[in-house]
C-alpha atoms as a PDB file:
ATOM      1  CA  MET A   1       0.087   0.267   0.020  1.00  0.00           C
ATOM      2  CA  LEU A   2       0.694   3.273  -0.734  1.00  0.00           C
ATOM      3  CA  GLY A   3       1.786   5.592   2.507  1.00  0.00           C
ATOM      4  CA  ALA A   4       3.164   9.393   1.831  1.00  0.00           C
ATOM      5  CA  ASN A   5       4.491  11.808   4.599  1.00  0.00           C
ATOM      6  CA  LYS A   6       2.560  14.770   5.141  1.00  0.00           C
ATOM      7  CA  ASN A   7       5.523  17.216   6.712  1.00  0.00           C
ATOM      8  CA  THR A   8       7.524  16.260   3.117  1.00  0.00           C
ATOM      9  CA  GLY A   9       4.492  15.019   0.818  1.00  0.00           C
ATOM     10  CA  VAL A  10       7.470  12.329  -0.475  1.00  0.00           C
ATOM     11  CA  LEU A  11       6.015   9.218  -1.296  1.00  0.00           C
ATOM     12  CA  ARG A  12       6.277   5.591  -0.078  1.00  0.00           C
ATOM     13  CA  PHE A  13       6.047   2.163  -1.808  1.00  0.00           C
ATOM     14  CA  ALA A  14       4.859  -1.019  -0.093  1.00  0.00           C
ATOM     15  CA  GLN A  15       7.052  -4.085  -1.342  1.00  0.00           C
ATOM     16  CA  ASP A  16       4.763  -4.892  -3.912  1.00  0.00           C
ATOM     17  CA  ASP A  17       4.107  -1.362  -5.459  1.00  0.00           C
ATOM     18  CA  LYS A  18       8.210  -0.960  -5.722  1.00  0.00           C
ATOM     19  CA  LYS A  19       8.463  -4.038  -8.205  1.00  0.00           C
ATOM     20  CA  ILE A  20       6.454  -1.712 -10.565  1.00  0.00           C
ATOM     21  CA  VAL A  21       7.787   2.109  -9.740  1.00  0.00           C
ATOM     22  CA  VAL A  22      11.015  -0.019 -10.607  1.00  0.00           C
ATOM     23  CA  GLY A  23       9.253  -0.986 -13.870  1.00  0.00           C
ATOM     24  CA  ILE A  24       8.303   1.934 -14.774  1.00  0.00           C
ATOM     25  CA  LEU A  25      12.003   3.349 -13.904  1.00  0.00           C
ATOM     26  CA  LEU A  26      12.879   1.411 -16.307  1.00  0.00           C
ATOM     27  CA  ILE A  27      10.154   1.772 -19.523  1.00  0.00           C
ATOM     28  CA  SER A  28      10.946   5.306 -19.200  1.00  0.00           C
ATOM     29  CA  LEU A  29      14.857   5.016 -19.015  1.00  0.00           C
ATOM     30  CA  SER A  30      14.724   2.637 -22.117  1.00  0.00           C
ATOM     31  CA  ALA A  31      12.642   5.255 -23.942  1.00  0.00           C
ATOM     32  CA  SER A  32      15.054   7.441 -23.379  1.00  0.00           C
ATOM     33  CA  ALA A  33      18.192   6.327 -24.388  1.00  0.00           C
ATOM     34  CA  PHE A  34      17.091   4.363 -27.495  1.00  0.00           C
ATOM     35  CA  ILE A  35      15.858   7.872 -28.393  1.00  0.00           C
ATOM     36  CA  CYS A  36      19.478   8.493 -27.194  1.00  0.00           C
ATOM     37  CA  TRP A  37      21.007   5.751 -29.337  1.00  0.00           C
ATOM     38  CA  LEU A  38      19.024   7.198 -32.644  1.00  0.00           C
ATOM     39  CA  VAL A  39      20.576  10.439 -32.150  1.00  0.00           C
ATOM     40  CA  TYR A  40      23.904   9.516 -31.752  1.00  0.00           C
ATOM     41  CA  PHE A  41      24.719   6.216 -33.466  1.00  0.00           C
ATOM     42  CA  HIS A  42      22.304   4.823 -35.356  1.00  0.00           C
ATOM     43  CA  ALA A  43      22.423   6.266 -39.455  1.00  0.00           C
ATOM     44  CA  PRO A  44      18.627   7.427 -40.678  1.00  0.00           C
ATOM     45  CA  VAL A  45      17.235   4.962 -42.951  1.00  0.00           C
ATOM     46  CA  ASP A  46      15.823   7.751 -45.183  1.00  0.00           C
ATOM     47  CA  VAL A  47      18.737  10.377 -45.612  1.00  0.00           C
ATOM     48  CA  THR A  48      16.455  11.939 -49.243  1.00  0.00           C
ATOM     49  CA  GLY A  49      14.031  12.169 -47.133  1.00  0.00           C
ATOM     50  CA  THR A  50      11.257  10.683 -49.622  1.00  0.00           C
ATOM     51  CA  HIS A  51       9.480   8.377 -47.410  1.00  0.00           C
ATOM     52  CA  LEU A  52       6.178   9.677 -44.745  1.00  0.00           C
ATOM     53  CA  ARG A  53       7.986  13.256 -45.525  1.00  0.00           C
ATOM     54  CA  SER A  54       4.130  14.358 -43.846  1.00  0.00           C
ATOM     55  CA  LEU A  55       4.981  11.979 -40.166  1.00  0.00           C
ATOM     56  CA  PRO A  56       6.539  15.873 -38.799  1.00  0.00           C
ATOM     57  CA  LEU A  57       2.719  17.581 -38.951  1.00  0.00           C
ATOM     58  CA  VAL A  58       1.096  14.285 -38.360  1.00  0.00           C
ATOM     59  CA  ASN A  59       3.934  14.350 -34.841  1.00  0.00           C
ATOM     60  CA  ALA A  60       2.432  18.393 -34.296  1.00  0.00           C
ATOM     61  CA  ILE A  61      -0.976  17.351 -35.167  1.00  0.00           C
ATOM     62  CA  LEU A  62      -0.648  14.406 -32.472  1.00  0.00           C
ATOM     63  CA  ASN A  63       0.422  17.438 -29.882  1.00  0.00           C
ATOM     64  CA  GLY A  64      -2.371  19.289 -30.300  1.00  0.00           C
ATOM     65  CA  LEU A  65      -4.277  16.688 -29.619  1.00  0.00           C
ATOM     66  CA  ALA A  66      -2.492  15.585 -26.546  1.00  0.00           C
ATOM     67  CA  THR A  67      -2.241  19.521 -25.180  1.00  0.00           C
ATOM     68  CA  THR A  68      -6.675  20.044 -25.617  1.00  0.00           C
ATOM     69  CA  ALA A  69      -7.323  17.379 -24.268  1.00  0.00           C
ATOM     70  CA  LEU A  70      -4.848  17.414 -21.035  1.00  0.00           C
ATOM     71  CA  LEU A  71      -7.199  21.548 -21.016  1.00  0.00           C
ATOM     72  CA  LEU A  72      -9.708  19.879 -20.785  1.00  0.00           C
ATOM     73  CA  GLY A  73      -9.376  16.893 -18.539  1.00  0.00           C
ATOM     74  CA  TYR A  74      -8.078  19.975 -16.092  1.00  0.00           C
ATOM     75  CA  ARG A  75     -11.035  21.853 -16.252  1.00  0.00           C
ATOM     76  CA  PHE A  76     -13.240  18.880 -15.953  1.00  0.00           C
ATOM     77  CA  ILE A  77     -11.296  17.663 -13.062  1.00  0.00           C
ATOM     78  CA  ARG A  78     -11.565  21.348 -12.067  1.00  0.00           C
ATOM     79  CA  THR A  79     -15.695  20.487 -11.662  1.00  0.00           C
ATOM     80  CA  ARG A  80     -15.376  17.932 -10.454  1.00  0.00           C
ATOM     81  CA  ARG A  81     -16.802  15.654 -13.668  1.00  0.00           C
ATOM     82  CA  ILE A  82     -14.413  13.157 -13.062  1.00  0.00           C
ATOM     83  CA  ALA A  83     -15.753  10.435 -15.995  1.00  0.00           C
ATOM     84  CA  GLN A  84     -15.444  13.441 -18.893  1.00  0.00           C
ATOM     85  CA  HIS A  85     -11.297  13.786 -16.536  1.00  0.00           C
ATOM     86  CA  ARG A  86     -10.512  10.796 -17.481  1.00  0.00           C
ATOM     87  CA  ALA A  87     -11.528  10.072 -20.922  1.00  0.00           C
ATOM     88  CA  THR A  88      -9.646  12.934 -21.634  1.00  0.00           C
ATOM     89  CA  MET A  89      -6.290  12.176 -19.893  1.00  0.00           C
ATOM     90  CA  PHE A  90      -7.111   8.210 -21.308  1.00  0.00           C
ATOM     91  CA  THR A  91      -7.109  10.324 -25.013  1.00  0.00           C
ATOM     92  CA  ALA A  92      -3.985  12.493 -24.198  1.00  0.00           C
ATOM     93  CA  PHE A  93      -1.699   9.541 -22.857  1.00  0.00           C
ATOM     94  CA  VAL A  94      -2.629   7.879 -26.086  1.00  0.00           C
ATOM     95  CA  PHE A  95      -2.421  10.662 -28.664  1.00  0.00           C
ATOM     96  CA  SER A  96       1.468  11.350 -27.044  1.00  0.00           C
ATOM     97  CA  SER A  97       1.630   7.639 -27.157  1.00  0.00           C
ATOM     98  CA  ILE A  98       1.032   7.487 -30.790  1.00  0.00           C
ATOM     99  CA  PHE A  99       3.048  10.832 -31.664  1.00  0.00           C
ATOM    100  CA  LEU A 100       5.910   8.654 -29.754  1.00  0.00           C
ATOM    101  CA  ALA A 101       6.140   6.026 -32.174  1.00  0.00           C
ATOM    102  CA  SER A 102       6.225   8.899 -34.804  1.00  0.00           C
ATOM    103  CA  TYR A 103       8.405   9.807 -32.963  1.00  0.00           C
ATOM    104  CA  LEU A 104      10.820   7.256 -33.374  1.00  0.00           C
ATOM    105  CA  VAL A 105      10.396   6.040 -37.179  1.00  0.00           C
ATOM    106  CA  ASN A 106      10.052   9.815 -37.171  1.00  0.00           C
ATOM    107  CA  PHE A 107      13.628  10.092 -36.475  1.00  0.00           C
ATOM    108  CA  ALA A 108      15.090   6.630 -36.975  1.00  0.00           C
ATOM    109  CA  LEU A 109      14.094   7.040 -40.906  1.00  0.00           C
ATOM    110  CA  HIS A 110      15.153  10.946 -41.070  1.00  0.00           C
ATOM    111  CA  GLY A 111      17.201  11.676 -38.515  1.00  0.00           C
ATOM    112  CA  GLU A 112      18.312  15.303 -36.255  1.00  0.00           C
ATOM    113  CA  THR A 113      16.491  18.258 -38.391  1.00  0.00           C
ATOM    114  CA  ARG A 114      19.363  20.626 -38.495  1.00  0.00           C
ATOM    115  CA  PHE A 115      17.280  24.254 -37.516  1.00  0.00           C
ATOM    116  CA  ASN A 116      19.645  27.462 -39.725  1.00  0.00           C
ATOM    117  CA  ARG A 117      22.721  28.400 -37.160  1.00  0.00           C
ATOM    118  CA  MET A 118      22.462  31.922 -38.560  1.00  0.00           C
ATOM    119  CA  SER A 119      18.440  32.658 -38.284  1.00  0.00           C
ATOM    120  CA  ALA A 120      17.922  35.283 -35.673  1.00  0.00           C
ATOM    121  CA  TRP A 121      15.232  33.137 -34.195  1.00  0.00           C
ATOM    122  CA  TRP A 122      17.824  30.435 -33.467  1.00  0.00           C
ATOM    123  CA  PRO A 123      19.575  31.412 -29.731  1.00  0.00           C
ATOM    124  CA  PHE A 124      15.725  31.334 -28.531  1.00  0.00           C
ATOM    125  CA  TYR A 125      14.791  27.781 -30.354  1.00  0.00           C
ATOM    126  CA  TRP A 126      17.883  25.949 -28.879  1.00  0.00           C
ATOM    127  CA  LYS A 127      17.174  27.285 -25.094  1.00  0.00           C
ATOM    128  CA  LEU A 128      13.487  25.933 -26.311  1.00  0.00           C
ATOM    129  CA  LEU A 129      14.581  22.871 -27.907  1.00  0.00           C
ATOM    130  CA  ALA A 130      16.772  21.917 -24.563  1.00  0.00           C
ATOM    131  CA  SER A 131      14.219  22.555 -22.628  1.00  0.00           C
ATOM    132  CA  HIS A 132      11.290  20.449 -24.020  1.00  0.00           C
ATOM    133  CA  ILE A 133      13.890  17.260 -23.912  1.00  0.00           C
ATOM    134  CA  VAL A 134      14.795  17.752 -20.957  1.00  0.00           C
ATOM    135  CA  LEU A 135      11.539  18.065 -20.287  1.00  0.00           C
ATOM    136  CA  SER A 136      10.585  15.058 -21.958  1.00  0.00           C
ATOM    137  CA  VAL A 137      12.895  13.035 -20.515  1.00  0.00           C
ATOM    138  CA  PHE A 138      11.231  13.509 -16.868  1.00  0.00           C
ATOM    139  CA  ALA A 139       8.081  13.646 -18.219  1.00  0.00           C
ATOM    140  CA  LEU A 140       7.149  10.231 -19.092  1.00  0.00           C
ATOM    141  CA  PRO A 141       8.165   8.355 -15.580  1.00  0.00           C
ATOM    142  CA  MET A 142       6.082  11.384 -14.511  1.00  0.00           C
ATOM    143  CA  ILE A 143       2.843  10.766 -17.114  1.00  0.00           C
ATOM    144  CA  LEU A 144       3.310   6.567 -16.149  1.00  0.00           C
ATOM    145  CA  MET A 145       3.259   7.590 -12.352  1.00  0.00           C
ATOM    146  CA  THR A 146       0.594   9.477 -12.339  1.00  0.00           C
ATOM    147  CA  PHE A 147      -2.176   7.020 -13.909  1.00  0.00           C
ATOM    148  CA  PHE A 148      -0.833   4.052 -12.001  1.00  0.00           C
ATOM    149  CA  LEU A 149      -1.882   5.811  -8.568  1.00  0.00           C
ATOM    150  CA  SER A 150      -4.934   6.391 -10.705  1.00  0.00           C
ATOM    151  CA  LEU A 151      -5.687   3.586 -11.665  1.00  0.00           C
ATOM    152  CA  THR A 152      -4.951   1.621  -7.795  1.00  0.00           C
ATOM    153  CA  GLY A 153      -7.298   4.122  -7.028  1.00  0.00           C
ATOM    154  CA  ARG A 154      -5.037   5.912  -4.969  1.00  0.00           C
ATOM    155  CA  PHE A 155      -6.539   9.296  -5.375  1.00  0.00           C
ATOM    156  CA  PRO A 156      -4.219  11.526  -3.223  1.00  0.00           C
ATOM    157  CA  ALA A 157      -1.651  10.096  -4.128  1.00  0.00           C
ATOM    158  CA  HIS A 158      -1.987  10.813  -7.572  1.00  0.00           C
ATOM    159  CA  GLN A 159      -3.342  14.431  -7.222  1.00  0.00           C
ATOM    160  CA  ARG A 160      -0.369  15.334  -5.382  1.00  0.00           C
ATOM    161  CA  LEU A 161       1.824  14.244  -8.280  1.00  0.00           C
ATOM    162  CA  ALA A 162      -0.261  15.552 -10.936  1.00  0.00           C
ATOM    163  CA  ARG A 163      -0.227  18.915  -9.685  1.00  0.00           C
ATOM    164  CA  TYR A 164       3.673  18.347 -11.373  1.00  0.00           C
ATOM    165  CA  THR A 165       2.441  16.091 -14.015  1.00  0.00           C
ATOM    166  CA  PHE A 166      -0.202  18.407 -15.365  1.00  0.00           C
ATOM    167  CA  PRO A 167       2.290  21.213 -16.965  1.00  0.00           C
ATOM    168  CA  VAL A 168       5.219  19.028 -17.418  1.00  0.00           C
ATOM    169  CA  TRP A 169       3.225  17.538 -20.200  1.00  0.00           C
ATOM    170  CA  LEU A 170       0.958  20.203 -20.840  1.00  0.00           C
ATOM    171  CA  TYR A 171       4.834  22.773 -21.469  1.00  0.00           C
ATOM    172  CA  VAL A 172       6.203  19.315 -23.198  1.00  0.00           C
ATOM    173  CA  SER A 173       2.891  18.726 -25.404  1.00  0.00           C
ATOM    174  CA  VAL A 174       3.045  22.967 -26.020  1.00  0.00           C
ATOM    175  CA  THR A 175       6.467  23.118 -26.894  1.00  0.00           C
ATOM    176  CA  GLY A 176       6.456  19.944 -29.468  1.00  0.00           C
ATOM    177  CA  VAL A 177       4.347  21.929 -31.950  1.00  0.00           C
ATOM    178  CA  VAL A 178       5.806  25.373 -31.631  1.00  0.00           C
ATOM    179  CA  ILE A 179       9.682  23.319 -32.242  1.00  0.00           C
ATOM    180  CA  TYR A 180       7.512  21.836 -35.760  1.00  0.00           C
ATOM    181  CA  TRP A 181       6.322  25.435 -36.655  1.00  0.00           C
ATOM    182  CA  MET A 182       9.878  26.975 -35.840  1.00  0.00           C
ATOM    183  CA  GLN A 183      11.729  24.284 -38.150  1.00  0.00           C
ATOM    184  CA  ALA A 184       9.239  24.273 -40.847  1.00  0.00           C
ATOM    185  CA  ALA A 185       9.420  28.608 -41.291  1.00  0.00           C
ATOM    186  CA  ILE A 186      13.326  28.154 -41.197  1.00  0.00           C
ATOM    187  CA  ARG A 187      13.254  25.356 -44.004  1.00  0.00           C
END
């Protein structure tokens, strides 16, 4: 069973839950390691960019849909509409999951998108991209833990973690769309 220290808000897990938490952390670490491998060691399969060229646009749309679902889910929970909140958060999770799969396929095919470093937008772009990347690494385990707490009926702990998960997930989704539009406009 899950407990929390009310003074510090630190989550403590029972022995069985620790296995799930470790599993979530391993999945998150594996996903991050796979993306690093794609970035630094994998040669793009389609360097000419002739296959599935629309994937970046699809990814931006998926991020936009996840953003919309997140905002609706937030609105629903603020008005105590639990069933609608749960449905929209699952929808956001599905859109984000499809995005991740599509992103990995796009990266495997085309590699890294190059941004013109001579652009006046470069200083803003790389800072936005860096914050997006760092927070996306933290977002995945936070999202999975928040869902785990909800699905196991641990709503006080879910609520405490969701207060941090929501803004991180929202930021990553919104900045994903902004980064896409900046890349598309500068190309």
